[in-house]
Protein backbone atom coordinates (compact mmCIF):
# COMPACT_ATOMS: atom_id res chain seq x y z
CA MET A 1 -19.21 -8.38 -1.87
CA LEU A 2 -16.66 -7.76 0.78
CA VAL A 3 -13.78 -8.83 -1.52
CA LEU A 4 -15.14 -6.52 -4.18
CA VAL A 5 -15.27 -3.51 -1.80
CA LEU A 6 -11.80 -4.28 -0.43
CA SER A 7 -10.39 -4.73 -3.95
CA LEU A 8 -11.76 -1.36 -5.04
CA LEU A 9 -10.47 0.43 -1.84
CA THR A 10 -7.02 -1.17 -2.25
CA SER A 11 -6.81 -0.24 -5.91
CA LEU A 12 -8.05 3.29 -5.22
CA GLY A 13 -5.56 3.76 -2.35
CA THR A 14 -2.67 2.37 -4.36
CA THR A 15 -3.53 4.64 -7.23
CA ILE A 16 -3.67 7.70 -5.08
CA PHE A 17 -0.40 6.73 -3.40
CA MET A 18 1.33 6.38 -6.71
CA TYR A 19 0.06 9.76 -7.99
CA PHE A 20 1.12 11.66 -4.93
CA ASN A 21 4.44 9.74 -4.52
CA GLY A 22 5.23 10.85 -8.06
CA SER A 23 4.67 14.42 -6.88
CA ARG A 24 7.11 13.84 -4.03
CA LYS A 25 4.52 14.14 -1.15
CA ARG A 26 5.96 12.44 1.85
CA TRP A 27 2.67 11.57 3.38
CA SER A 28 1.90 9.29 0.35
CA TRP A 29 4.09 6.66 2.11
CA LEU A 30 1.66 6.66 5.02
CA LEU A 31 -1.14 6.05 2.53
CA SER A 32 0.81 3.20 1.15
CA LEU A 33 1.25 1.75 4.65
CA ALA A 34 -2.43 2.19 5.42
CA CYS A 35 -3.33 0.20 2.23
CA GLN A 36 -1.19 -2.81 3.18
CA PRO A 37 -3.65 -4.27 5.80
CA LEU A 38 -6.40 -3.93 3.15
CA TRP A 39 -4.25 -5.88 0.72
CA LEU A 40 -3.59 -8.39 3.39
CA ALA A 41 -7.37 -8.96 3.95
CA VAL A 42 -7.81 -9.39 0.15
CA ILE A 43 -4.98 -11.93 0.06
CA PHE A 44 -6.47 -13.97 2.88
CA LEU A 45 -10.16 -13.72 1.69
CA THR A 46 -9.20 -14.76 -1.96
CA GLU A 47 -6.39 -17.12 -0.80
CA ALA A 48 -4.07 -15.35 -3.21
CA TRP A 49 -0.98 -16.49 -1.32
CA GLY A 50 1.42 -15.50 -4.07
CA LEU A 51 0.72 -11.83 -3.25
CA LEU A 52 1.76 -12.25 0.42
CA PRO A 53 5.47 -11.75 -0.25
CA LEU A 54 4.63 -8.56 -2.26
CA ASN A 55 2.50 -7.31 0.62
CA ILE A 56 5.52 -7.86 3.06
CA VAL A 57 7.89 -6.12 0.78
CA MET A 58 5.50 -3.13 0.12
CA THR A 59 5.15 -2.65 3.84
CA VAL A 60 8.91 -2.57 4.34
CA LEU A 61 9.30 -0.19 1.45
CA ALA A 62 6.57 2.15 2.72
CA ILE A 63 8.29 2.37 6.06
CA ARG A 64 11.67 2.96 4.40
CA GLY A 65 10.23 5.57 2.17
CA TRP A 66 8.72 7.42 5.00
CA VAL A 67 11.97 7.44 6.96
CA LYS A 68 14.20 8.19 3.97
CA TRP A 69 12.00 11.04 2.56
CA LYS A 70 12.25 12.74 6.05
CA GLU A 71 15.97 13.08 5.35
CA ILE A 72 15.58 14.28 1.71
CA LEU A 73 12.56 16.50 1.81
């Protein structure tokens, strides 16, 4: 049940992030960053180790996006 709830939360958060990122909302990067620990929990609970590099890259990209968009927007 925990994995299901975490999976739904991560999917919802990522979908919302993508929507508002497309609308050029800078705070959307913070939402992406907030979703990464949830993804990490799903990775560990389901032992989906192949997603771990993606989680690391997405964390770095969220931080980069937050910093870069401060300069642009």
